[in-house]
Amino acid sequence: MSCPICGSETQQAHRPFCSKRCADLDLVNWLNGSYATPSNDPEDFENALKEMEKVERRSVGELPTQH
């Protein structure tokens, strides 16, 4: 079995990963939203559209960015 992050051989102590580092990288991917489960919920679509519109308006200078 190979590590899903780097492709190296897995180690029993960190399965399915090869090391704590790769396990931690996978956790970071989950926490920052790099991995996502698709949704068919209409409310999710509406929220995503609103966020995209905000980003688009910010990029053309319509909304001030928050710091």
Foldseek 3Di string as FASTA:
>chain_A
DAAPQPRHCDDPVDPPHNDVVSVVVVVVCVVVVVDDDDDPDVVVVVVVVVVVVVVVCVVVPNDDDDD
